[in-house]
């Protein structure tokens, strides 16, 4: 897991504990990276099944 992937994972995990899904603007501000880098990191996490999106509940699921 790269540093950016780890950072995005932790942000999503910590914010989801309080029932809040961060917006792309939140992620850009907290990581200091562009939308393209963040999307790539999330795709990588999802491809390794460390992170999944529950469409019904509209929340992240973590490994």
C-alpha atoms as a PDB file:
ATOM      1  CA  UNK A   1       0.000   0.000   0.000  1.00  0.00           C
ATOM      2  CA  UNK A   2       1.454   3.356  -0.998  1.00  0.00           C
ATOM      3  CA  UNK A   3       1.536   6.342   1.333  1.00  0.00           C
ATOM      4  CA  UNK A   4      -1.337   8.022  -0.518  1.00  0.00           C
ATOM      5  CA  UNK A   5      -3.441   4.834  -0.446  1.00  0.00           C
ATOM      6  CA  UNK A   6      -2.805   4.475   3.266  1.00  0.00           C
ATOM      7  CA  UNK A   7      -3.717   8.116   3.874  1.00  0.00           C
ATOM      8  CA  UNK A   8      -6.951   7.900   1.831  1.00  0.00           C
ATOM      9  CA  UNK A   9      -7.864   4.636   3.576  1.00  0.00           C
ATOM     10  CA  UNK A  10      -7.366   6.192   7.020  1.00  0.00           C
ATOM     11  CA  UNK A  11      -9.366   9.302   6.111  1.00  0.00           C
ATOM     12  CA  UNK A  12     -12.261   7.209   4.784  1.00  0.00           C
ATOM     13  CA  UNK A  13     -12.111   4.886   7.786  1.00  0.00           C
ATOM     14  CA  UNK A  14     -11.979   7.615  10.399  1.00  0.00           C
ATOM     15  CA  UNK A  15     -14.694   9.741   8.818  1.00  0.00           C
ATOM     16  CA  UNK A  16     -16.996   6.745   8.261  1.00  0.00           C
ATOM     17  CA  UNK A  17     -16.844   5.957  11.978  1.00  0.00           C
ATOM     18  CA  UNK A  18     -18.863   9.150  12.468  1.00  0.00           C
ATOM     19  CA  UNK A  19     -21.276   8.303   9.607  1.00  0.00           C
ATOM     20  CA  UNK A  20     -19.817  10.923   7.293  1.00  0.00           C
ATOM     21  CA  UNK A  21     -18.607  10.222   3.776  1.00  0.00           C
ATOM     22  CA  UNK A  22     -15.913  12.711   2.812  1.00  0.00           C
ATOM     23  CA  UNK A  23     -16.415  14.641  -0.411  1.00  0.00           C
ATOM     24  CA  UNK A  24     -13.739  14.819  -3.070  1.00  0.00           C
ATOM     25  CA  UNK A  25     -13.009  18.347  -1.850  1.00  0.00           C
ATOM     26  CA  UNK A  26     -12.433  16.998   1.680  1.00  0.00           C
ATOM     27  CA  UNK A  27     -10.024  14.372   0.340  1.00  0.00           C
ATOM     28  CA  UNK A  28      -8.174  16.899  -1.832  1.00  0.00           C
ATOM     29  CA  UNK A  29      -7.766  19.255   1.122  1.00  0.00           C
ATOM     30  CA  UNK A  30      -6.667  16.556   3.567  1.00  0.00           C
ATOM     31  CA  UNK A  31      -4.228  14.790   1.209  1.00  0.00           C
ATOM     32  CA  UNK A  32      -2.987  17.761  -0.795  1.00  0.00           C
ATOM     33  CA  UNK A  33      -3.323  15.699  -3.990  1.00  0.00           C
ATOM     34  CA  UNK A  34      -5.383  16.121  -7.140  1.00  0.00           C
ATOM     35  CA  UNK A  35      -8.625  14.302  -7.903  1.00  0.00           C
ATOM     36  CA  UNK A  36      -6.880  12.011 -10.409  1.00  0.00           C
ATOM     37  CA  UNK A  37      -4.371  10.772  -7.812  1.00  0.00           C
ATOM     38  CA  UNK A  38      -7.119  10.204  -5.235  1.00  0.00           C
ATOM     39  CA  UNK A  39      -9.321   8.303  -7.699  1.00  0.00           C
ATOM     40  CA  UNK A  40      -6.384   6.090  -8.669  1.00  0.00           C
ATOM     41  CA  UNK A  41      -5.612   5.352  -5.013  1.00  0.00           C
ATOM     42  CA  UNK A  42      -9.257   4.413  -4.320  1.00  0.00           C
ATOM     43  CA  UNK A  43      -9.368   2.199  -7.431  1.00  0.00           C
ATOM     44  CA  UNK A  44      -6.200   0.422  -6.291  1.00  0.00           C
ATOM     45  CA  UNK A  45      -7.653  -0.145  -2.814  1.00  0.00           C
ATOM     46  CA  UNK A  46     -10.874  -1.483  -4.312  1.00  0.00           C
ATOM     47  CA  UNK A  47      -9.047  -3.773  -6.750  1.00  0.00           C
ATOM     48  CA  UNK A  48      -7.154  -5.346  -3.832  1.00  0.00           C
ATOM     49  CA  UNK A  49     -10.478  -5.649  -1.973  1.00  0.00           C
ATOM     50  CA  UNK A  50      -9.225  -3.619   0.976  1.00  0.00           C
ATOM     51  CA  UNK A  51     -12.085  -1.180   0.391  1.00  0.00           C
ATOM     52  CA  UNK A  52     -15.593  -1.711  -0.996  1.00  0.00           C
ATOM     53  CA  UNK A  53     -18.626   0.521  -1.522  1.00  0.00           C
ATOM     54  CA  UNK A  54     -22.010  -0.665  -0.271  1.00  0.00           C
ATOM     55  CA  UNK A  55     -24.488   0.863  -2.727  1.00  0.00           C
ATOM     56  CA  UNK A  56     -27.564   0.125  -0.628  1.00  0.00           C
ATOM     57  CA  UNK A  57     -26.257   1.636   2.592  1.00  0.00           C
ATOM     58  CA  UNK A  58     -24.154   4.246   0.759  1.00  0.00           C
ATOM     59  CA  UNK A  59     -21.112   3.631   2.948  1.00  0.00           C
ATOM     60  CA  UNK A  60     -17.584   2.255   2.742  1.00  0.00           C
ATOM     61  CA  UNK A  61     -16.731  -1.245   3.952  1.00  0.00           C
ATOM     62  CA  UNK A  62     -13.204  -1.951   5.158  1.00  0.00           C
ATOM     63  CA  UNK A  63     -11.134  -5.110   5.247  1.00  0.00           C
END
